[in-house]
Amino acid sequence: MRTALRGWFGAALFALAASAQGQLVIGQVAPLSGVLASTGKQMVVGGDIYFKHVNATGGVHGQQIKVLVVDDAYKVDETVRLTREMLVRNEVVALYGFAGTANITKLLQDEILEQGGAALVAPYTGGESLRNPFNPWIFHVRAGYADEAEHMVQQLTTLGMNRIAVMYQDDGFGKAGLAGVEAALTRRKMKLAASAGYERNTDKVDAAVKTIKAADPQAIIMVAINRPAAAFAKQYREAGGGGQLLNISVVDPAEIVKLAGLKNAHGLGVSQVVPYPFMANIPVVREYQELLKKYAPNEQINYTSFEQFLGAKVLVEGLKRAGPKPTRAKVVKALEGMERFDLGGWSVGYSPTVRAGSKFVEVTVIGASGKLLR
């Protein structure tokens, strides 16, 4: 009882302090340790540089943005626990930038987002379970895994490749990608050459390498995060596998090169769901590069941080439209009213019945120097 009272009293004090200081409080649960730690770090960097910029230029209706960031280590139970704790705090007006299809699906299944009534903006996942059936709480900035799978299968079949395999993480994330590839093949009256999973939160892919190499596919689409994707590329290539390797968007190519070695990573295709951030040919990329250099000078340009930068822009626009005294409900209403929001040469759009802000997909390739090429 005393612990509960202390927790309530602390939250109440924080709420008073936040109000007194004119703060808008955002909650972010991110994988800052464990197998997705490098991705989680970049997620935080991308939002942080934009929120710092907004605060330095007057805030939102004169209020400063404060982001509460906590680490779930990519563990579903931790995501659930930490999100519950966030949403108990009345001063938290919105959630931002979570990761993991299985993690966020559990939030929906347990009705945590519904009970909390807060928008979750720019989750780092394209899982279909978060899009269908429709739910009003999640505002996606990125295309879904089904969109990515369709684009990759289209490219491969155009090149005459019809023996396609899938290596996937054995959870909601991996199965969403697998289902997307199977659906894309079915539309073309084709079937998978092979599929093999690996256990979540590990990089144990030996069995998957053996199964897929035995099927001799022309291409392998990986629905995997950094470490297992790199482990598969390394082991598959060293075992003599010659199929074209591709991975869904949620990997850091620099990390893949580091872990797998350039020889094994060279030529690996990575689907992308936001514009190419390495060339400042549209205003929002120039803005991202400038703010990254200003507020995080030791960080490199990165797709993950750029995606979360875009998500931060969407959230801030929602906060602006929600007015000087935003509530969770006002933020949801404001976001769904953004039918076409131009972030600077790239747009997203929402409505009362649409939460998928973009369908943009393109494929990049790890080049001979280890850099990503379009």
Protein backbone atom coordinates (compact mmCIF):
# COMPACT_ATOMS: atom_id res chain seq x y z
CA MET A 1 0.00 0.00 0.00
CA ARG A 2 2.79 2.41 0.92
CA THR A 3 4.64 1.62 -2.32
CA ALA A 4 1.48 2.28 -4.33
CA LEU A 5 0.92 5.58 -2.53
CA ARG A 6 4.53 6.62 -3.08
CA GLY A 7 4.14 5.82 -6.80
CA TRP A 8 0.91 7.79 -7.03
CA PHE A 9 2.35 10.69 -5.05
CA GLY A 10 5.46 10.79 -7.26
CA ALA A 11 3.33 10.81 -10.41
CA ALA A 12 1.16 13.57 -8.98
CA LEU A 13 4.20 15.69 -8.13
CA PHE A 14 5.59 15.15 -11.61
CA ALA A 15 2.28 16.22 -13.15
CA LEU A 16 2.28 19.44 -11.10
CA ALA A 17 5.90 20.13 -12.01
CA ALA A 18 5.26 19.49 -15.70
CA SER A 19 2.24 21.80 -15.66
CA ALA A 20 4.11 24.50 -13.80
CA GLN A 21 7.01 24.38 -16.21
CA GLY A 22 4.77 24.36 -19.29
CA GLN A 23 5.86 20.95 -20.53
CA LEU A 24 4.26 18.59 -23.01
CA VAL A 25 5.17 15.07 -21.88
CA ILE A 26 5.63 12.25 -24.42
CA GLY A 27 6.25 8.60 -23.51
CA GLN A 28 8.68 6.43 -25.46
CA VAL A 29 9.36 2.76 -24.77
CA ALA A 30 12.37 1.62 -26.81
CA PRO A 31 14.74 -1.38 -27.00
CA LEU A 32 17.88 0.23 -25.56
CA SER A 33 19.43 -3.09 -24.50
CA GLY A 34 19.31 -6.62 -25.89
CA VAL A 35 19.40 -7.73 -29.52
CA LEU A 36 17.82 -4.53 -30.86
CA ALA A 37 19.87 -2.07 -28.79
CA SER A 38 21.66 -0.40 -31.73
CA THR A 39 18.31 0.17 -33.45
CA GLY A 40 16.75 1.49 -30.25
CA LYS A 41 19.56 4.01 -29.85
CA GLN A 42 18.97 5.36 -33.36
CA MET A 43 15.22 5.53 -32.74
CA VAL A 44 15.83 7.79 -29.76
CA VAL A 45 18.38 9.92 -31.63
CA GLY A 46 16.00 10.63 -34.51
CA GLY A 47 13.26 11.98 -32.29
CA ASP A 48 15.60 13.73 -29.89
CA ILE A 49 17.19 15.99 -32.48
CA TYR A 50 13.81 17.23 -33.69
CA PHE A 51 12.32 17.70 -30.23
CA LYS A 52 15.43 19.67 -29.22
CA HIS A 53 15.03 21.85 -32.30
CA VAL A 54 11.37 22.53 -31.50
CA ASN A 55 12.20 23.41 -27.90
CA ALA A 56 15.05 25.70 -28.99
CA THR A 57 12.71 27.58 -31.32
CA GLY A 58 9.91 28.30 -28.86
CA GLY A 59 8.33 24.91 -28.25
CA VAL A 60 4.69 24.15 -29.07
CA HIS A 61 2.38 27.03 -28.12
CA GLY A 62 5.17 28.14 -25.79
CA GLN A 63 5.43 24.76 -24.07
CA GLN A 64 8.58 22.63 -24.03
CA ILE A 65 8.45 18.97 -25.09
CA LYS A 66 9.76 16.46 -22.56
CA VAL A 67 10.23 12.85 -23.66
CA LEU A 68 10.27 10.10 -21.03
CA VAL A 69 12.35 7.26 -22.51
CA VAL A 70 12.45 3.80 -20.92
CA ASP A 71 14.07 0.53 -22.02
CA ASP A 72 12.01 -2.63 -22.69
CA ALA A 73 14.96 -4.66 -24.10
CA TYR A 74 12.60 -5.74 -26.93
CA LYS A 75 10.73 -7.95 -24.44
CA VAL A 76 6.96 -8.10 -24.80
CA ASP A 77 6.19 -8.30 -21.09
CA GLU A 78 8.39 -5.28 -20.40
CA THR A 79 6.71 -3.27 -23.15
CA VAL A 80 3.34 -4.02 -21.57
CA ARG A 81 4.48 -3.19 -18.04
CA LEU A 82 6.23 0.03 -18.98
CA THR A 83 3.38 1.24 -21.18
CA ARG A 84 0.89 0.69 -18.38
CA GLU A 85 3.15 2.77 -16.11
CA MET A 86 3.39 5.51 -18.74
CA LEU A 87 -0.36 5.74 -19.26
CA VAL A 88 -1.11 5.97 -15.53
CA ARG A 89 0.66 9.32 -15.65
CA ASN A 90 -1.96 11.85 -16.69
CA GLU A 91 0.65 14.31 -17.93
CA VAL A 92 1.65 11.95 -20.77
CA VAL A 93 -0.33 13.28 -23.75
CA ALA A 94 0.94 10.82 -26.39
CA LEU A 95 3.21 7.84 -27.02
CA TYR A 96 5.93 7.73 -29.64
CA GLY A 97 8.33 5.38 -31.42
CA PHE A 98 7.87 1.94 -29.82
CA ALA A 99 9.38 -1.15 -31.53
CA GLY A 100 8.29 -4.72 -32.19
CA THR A 101 5.22 -6.17 -33.88
CA ALA A 102 4.65 -8.73 -31.12
CA ASN A 103 5.23 -6.09 -28.44
CA ILE A 104 2.69 -3.61 -29.78
CA THR A 105 0.21 -6.31 -30.79
CA LYS A 106 0.13 -7.33 -27.13
CA LEU A 107 -0.73 -3.74 -26.18
CA LEU A 108 -3.73 -3.96 -28.49
CA GLN A 109 -4.76 -7.41 -27.31
CA ASP A 110 -4.70 -6.31 -23.67
CA GLU A 111 -6.56 -3.09 -24.62
CA ILE A 112 -3.85 -1.01 -22.96
CA LEU A 113 -3.87 1.66 -25.68
CA GLU A 114 -7.67 1.73 -25.71
CA GLN A 115 -7.87 2.10 -21.94
CA GLY A 116 -5.19 4.78 -21.94
CA GLY A 117 -6.73 6.66 -24.87
CA ALA A 118 -3.36 7.93 -26.11
CA ALA A 119 -2.09 8.02 -29.68
CA LEU A 120 1.01 5.95 -30.47
CA VAL A 121 2.86 7.73 -33.27
CA ALA A 122 5.47 6.20 -35.59
CA PRO A 123 5.98 2.71 -34.16
CA TYR A 124 9.02 1.03 -35.70
CA THR A 125 7.12 -1.89 -37.23
CA GLY A 126 5.09 -2.70 -40.32
CA GLY A 127 3.12 -5.59 -38.87
CA GLU A 128 -0.31 -6.14 -40.40
CA SER A 129 -1.76 -7.07 -37.00
CA LEU A 130 -1.32 -3.41 -36.06
CA ARG A 131 -3.16 -2.22 -39.17
CA ASN A 132 -5.87 -4.82 -39.74
CA PRO A 133 -8.37 -4.85 -38.20
CA PHE A 134 -8.43 -1.07 -37.93
CA ASN A 135 -7.60 0.45 -34.56
CA PRO A 136 -7.77 4.19 -33.89
CA TRP A 137 -4.73 4.49 -31.61
CA ILE A 138 -1.70 3.80 -33.82
CA PHE A 139 -0.57 6.37 -36.40
CA HIS A 140 1.87 4.71 -38.80
CA VAL A 141 4.48 6.74 -40.66
CA ARG A 142 5.94 3.75 -42.53
CA ALA A 143 4.48 1.34 -45.07
CA GLY A 144 3.55 -2.14 -43.84
CA TYR A 145 5.51 -5.37 -44.21
CA ALA A 146 2.94 -6.55 -46.76
CA ASP A 147 3.78 -3.50 -48.89
CA GLU A 148 7.49 -4.24 -48.57
CA ALA A 149 7.01 -7.92 -49.43
CA GLU A 150 4.96 -7.06 -52.52
CA HIS A 151 7.63 -4.64 -53.73
CA MET A 152 10.49 -7.12 -53.22
CA VAL A 153 8.63 -10.01 -54.86
CA GLN A 154 7.72 -7.74 -57.78
CA GLN A 155 11.38 -6.84 -58.30
CA LEU A 156 12.58 -10.43 -58.04
CA THR A 157 9.99 -11.86 -60.42
CA THR A 158 10.65 -9.07 -62.91
CA LEU A 159 14.27 -10.29 -62.91
CA GLY A 160 13.04 -13.82 -63.66
CA MET A 161 13.54 -15.26 -60.16
CA ASN A 162 10.75 -17.65 -59.19
CA ARG A 163 12.37 -19.80 -56.50
CA ILE A 164 12.06 -17.56 -53.45
CA ALA A 165 12.63 -18.56 -49.82
CA VAL A 166 11.96 -16.75 -46.54
CA MET A 167 14.05 -16.73 -43.35
CA TYR A 168 11.97 -15.22 -40.56
CA GLN A 169 11.87 -14.44 -36.85
CA ASP A 170 9.44 -16.87 -35.25
CA ASP A 171 7.04 -14.33 -33.73
CA GLY A 172 4.44 -11.79 -34.80
CA PHE A 173 7.01 -9.69 -36.67
CA GLY A 174 8.49 -12.54 -38.66
CA LYS A 175 5.17 -14.21 -39.37
CA ALA A 176 3.73 -10.91 -40.62
CA GLY A 177 6.58 -10.65 -43.14
CA LEU A 178 6.28 -14.32 -44.09
CA ALA A 179 2.55 -13.91 -44.70
CA GLY A 180 3.24 -10.86 -46.85
CA VAL A 181 5.67 -12.77 -49.07
CA GLU A 182 3.29 -15.73 -49.35
CA ALA A 183 0.44 -13.41 -50.35
CA ALA A 184 2.60 -11.67 -52.96
CA LEU A 185 3.60 -15.05 -54.43
CA THR A 186 0.01 -16.31 -54.38
CA ARG A 187 -1.07 -13.30 -56.45
CA ARG A 188 1.42 -14.53 -59.04
CA LYS A 189 0.31 -18.17 -58.74
CA MET A 190 3.63 -19.10 -57.12
CA LYS A 191 4.68 -20.82 -53.88
CA LEU A 192 7.62 -20.49 -51.52
CA ALA A 193 10.66 -22.59 -52.32
CA ALA A 194 11.31 -22.90 -48.56
CA SER A 195 10.81 -21.12 -45.27
CA ALA A 196 12.70 -21.39 -41.99
CA GLY A 197 12.37 -19.57 -38.70
CA TYR A 198 14.70 -18.69 -35.86
CA GLU A 199 13.92 -18.02 -32.20
CA ARG A 200 13.19 -14.44 -31.15
CA ASN A 201 15.91 -12.67 -29.12
CA THR A 202 18.65 -14.95 -30.49
CA ASP A 203 20.90 -15.13 -33.54
CA LYS A 204 20.74 -18.93 -33.73
CA VAL A 205 20.12 -19.40 -37.44
CA ASP A 206 22.12 -22.59 -38.14
CA ALA A 207 19.03 -24.72 -38.80
CA ALA A 208 17.52 -22.02 -41.03
CA VAL A 209 20.73 -21.83 -43.09
CA LYS A 210 20.71 -25.60 -43.58
CA THR A 211 17.03 -25.76 -44.58
CA ILE A 212 17.18 -22.88 -47.02
CA LYS A 213 20.48 -23.79 -48.63
CA ALA A 214 19.13 -27.31 -49.28
CA ALA A 215 16.20 -25.80 -51.23
CA ASP A 216 18.63 -23.93 -53.54
CA PRO A 217 16.49 -20.77 -53.93
CA GLN A 218 17.36 -17.96 -56.32
CA ALA A 219 16.52 -15.38 -53.64
CA ILE A 220 15.97 -15.30 -49.89
CA ILE A 221 13.85 -12.61 -48.25
CA MET A 222 14.86 -12.24 -44.60
CA VAL A 223 12.34 -10.96 -42.09
CA ALA A 224 14.93 -10.46 -39.38
CA ILE A 225 16.61 -7.87 -37.17
CA ASN A 226 20.31 -6.95 -37.23
CA ARG A 227 22.11 -9.80 -35.46
CA PRO A 228 20.22 -12.80 -36.88
CA ALA A 229 20.13 -11.23 -40.35
CA ALA A 230 23.91 -10.76 -40.24
CA ALA A 231 24.43 -14.26 -38.84
CA PHE A 232 22.35 -15.77 -41.64
CA ALA A 233 24.14 -13.80 -44.36
CA LYS A 234 27.54 -14.82 -42.98
CA GLN A 235 26.75 -18.51 -42.50
CA TYR A 236 24.81 -18.85 -45.75
CA ARG A 237 27.57 -17.26 -47.85
CA GLU A 238 30.33 -19.21 -46.08
CA ALA A 239 28.37 -22.42 -46.73
CA GLY A 240 28.44 -21.60 -50.44
CA GLY A 241 24.92 -20.17 -50.77
CA GLY A 242 24.61 -18.02 -53.86
CA GLY A 243 21.02 -16.75 -53.78
CA GLN A 244 20.18 -13.06 -53.76
CA LEU A 245 19.70 -11.89 -50.17
CA LEU A 246 17.18 -9.23 -49.18
CA ASN A 247 15.94 -8.02 -45.80
CA ILE A 248 12.86 -6.17 -44.71
CA SER A 249 13.41 -2.55 -43.64
CA VAL A 250 14.03 -2.88 -39.89
CA VAL A 251 17.79 -3.40 -40.07
CA ASP A 252 20.79 -1.10 -39.96
CA PRO A 253 22.96 -1.92 -43.01
CA ALA A 254 26.08 -0.59 -41.27
CA GLU A 255 25.48 -3.04 -38.42
CA ILE A 256 24.95 -5.87 -40.93
CA VAL A 257 28.29 -5.10 -42.58
CA LYS A 258 30.01 -4.90 -39.20
CA LEU A 259 28.62 -8.22 -37.98
CA ALA A 260 28.61 -10.28 -41.20
CA GLY A 261 31.69 -8.81 -42.86
CA LEU A 262 31.62 -6.82 -46.09
CA LYS A 263 32.33 -9.87 -48.25
CA ASN A 264 29.16 -11.56 -47.00
CA ALA A 265 26.99 -8.42 -46.84
CA HIS A 266 27.92 -7.03 -50.26
CA GLY A 267 24.93 -7.11 -52.59
CA LEU A 268 22.35 -7.61 -49.85
CA GLY A 269 19.16 -5.71 -50.68
CA VAL A 270 17.24 -3.82 -47.99
CA SER A 271 13.72 -2.52 -48.57
CA GLN A 272 13.17 1.03 -47.30
CA VAL A 273 9.99 2.79 -46.26
CA VAL A 274 11.22 6.39 -46.08
CA PRO A 275 13.25 8.49 -48.54
CA TYR A 276 17.02 8.01 -48.98
CA PRO A 277 18.53 10.08 -46.14
CA PHE A 278 22.11 10.24 -47.47
CA MET A 279 21.38 12.66 -50.31
CA ALA A 280 19.93 16.07 -49.37
CA ASN A 281 17.70 16.39 -52.43
CA ILE A 282 14.44 17.18 -50.60
CA PRO A 283 13.88 19.72 -47.80
CA VAL A 284 13.12 17.22 -45.02
CA VAL A 285 16.37 15.32 -45.65
CA ARG A 286 18.33 18.59 -45.56
CA GLU A 287 16.62 19.50 -42.28
CA TYR A 288 17.40 16.07 -40.80
CA GLN A 289 21.06 16.25 -41.81
CA GLU A 290 21.45 19.77 -40.41
CA LEU A 291 19.81 18.95 -37.08
CA LEU A 292 21.72 15.67 -36.75
CA LYS A 293 24.97 17.58 -37.21
CA LYS A 294 23.87 20.24 -34.71
CA TYR A 295 22.39 18.12 -31.92
CA ALA A 296 24.09 14.72 -32.38
CA PRO A 297 27.39 15.47 -34.16
CA ASN A 298 28.89 12.09 -33.32
CA GLU A 299 26.03 10.14 -34.93
CA GLN A 300 25.99 9.00 -38.55
CA ILE A 301 23.14 9.46 -41.02
CA ASN A 302 20.89 6.46 -40.60
CA TYR A 303 17.55 5.25 -41.99
CA THR A 304 16.24 4.41 -38.52
CA SER A 305 16.97 7.80 -37.00
CA PHE A 306 15.58 9.50 -40.11
CA GLU A 307 12.34 7.49 -39.89
CA GLN A 308 11.89 8.47 -36.26
CA PHE A 309 12.76 12.08 -37.14
CA LEU A 310 9.83 12.01 -39.57
CA GLY A 311 7.65 10.50 -36.85
CA ALA A 312 8.64 13.28 -34.46
CA LYS A 313 7.60 15.87 -37.05
CA VAL A 314 4.22 14.18 -37.40
CA LEU A 315 3.72 14.11 -33.63
CA VAL A 316 4.73 17.76 -33.17
CA GLU A 317 2.30 18.81 -35.90
CA GLY A 318 -0.42 16.88 -34.07
CA LEU A 319 0.48 18.65 -30.82
CA LYS A 320 0.32 22.03 -32.56
CA ARG A 321 -3.10 21.29 -34.05
CA ALA A 322 -4.38 20.03 -30.68
CA GLY A 323 -4.11 23.57 -29.29
CA PRO A 324 -2.41 25.16 -26.27
CA LYS A 325 -3.97 22.73 -23.76
CA PRO A 326 -3.72 19.35 -25.49
CA THR A 327 -5.32 16.24 -24.05
CA ARG A 328 -4.84 12.68 -25.29
CA ALA A 329 -8.20 12.83 -27.07
CA LYS A 330 -7.38 16.19 -28.68
CA VAL A 331 -4.07 14.83 -29.98
CA VAL A 332 -5.79 11.79 -31.53
CA LYS A 333 -8.38 14.08 -33.17
CA ALA A 334 -5.70 16.44 -34.46
CA LEU A 335 -3.62 13.62 -35.96
CA GLU A 336 -6.55 12.04 -37.76
CA GLY A 337 -7.34 15.43 -39.28
CA MET A 338 -3.96 15.52 -41.07
CA GLU A 339 -5.26 14.32 -44.44
CA ARG A 340 -2.13 15.38 -46.29
CA PHE A 341 0.80 16.65 -44.27
CA ASP A 342 3.91 17.63 -46.23
CA LEU A 343 6.97 17.08 -44.03
CA GLY A 344 9.24 18.73 -46.62
CA GLY A 345 9.03 16.99 -50.00
CA TRP A 346 7.51 13.81 -48.54
CA SER A 347 3.96 13.45 -47.22
CA VAL A 348 1.82 11.35 -44.92
CA GLY A 349 -1.94 11.32 -44.63
CA TYR A 350 -4.50 10.22 -42.04
CA SER A 351 -8.26 10.39 -41.56
CA PRO A 352 -10.87 9.08 -39.11
CA THR A 353 -10.67 5.73 -40.95
CA VAL A 354 -7.02 5.73 -42.10
CA ARG A 355 -3.98 5.27 -39.87
CA ALA A 356 -1.42 4.09 -42.47
CA GLY A 357 0.27 7.35 -43.33
CA SER A 358 2.40 6.11 -46.25
CA LYS A 359 2.77 3.26 -48.75
CA PHE A 360 6.23 4.32 -49.93
CA VAL A 361 8.72 1.46 -50.55
CA GLU A 362 12.00 1.22 -52.46
CA VAL A 363 14.92 -1.23 -52.36
CA THR A 364 18.51 -0.25 -51.65
CA VAL A 365 21.63 -2.44 -51.93
CA ILE A 366 24.81 -2.68 -49.84
CA GLY A 367 27.56 -1.72 -52.25
CA ALA A 368 31.20 -2.79 -52.57
CA SER A 369 32.31 -0.13 -50.06
CA GLY A 370 29.65 -1.13 -47.53
CA LYS A 371 27.54 1.96 -48.23
CA LEU A 372 23.91 1.78 -49.24
CA LEU A 373 23.16 2.41 -52.90
CA ARG A 374 19.78 3.19 -54.46
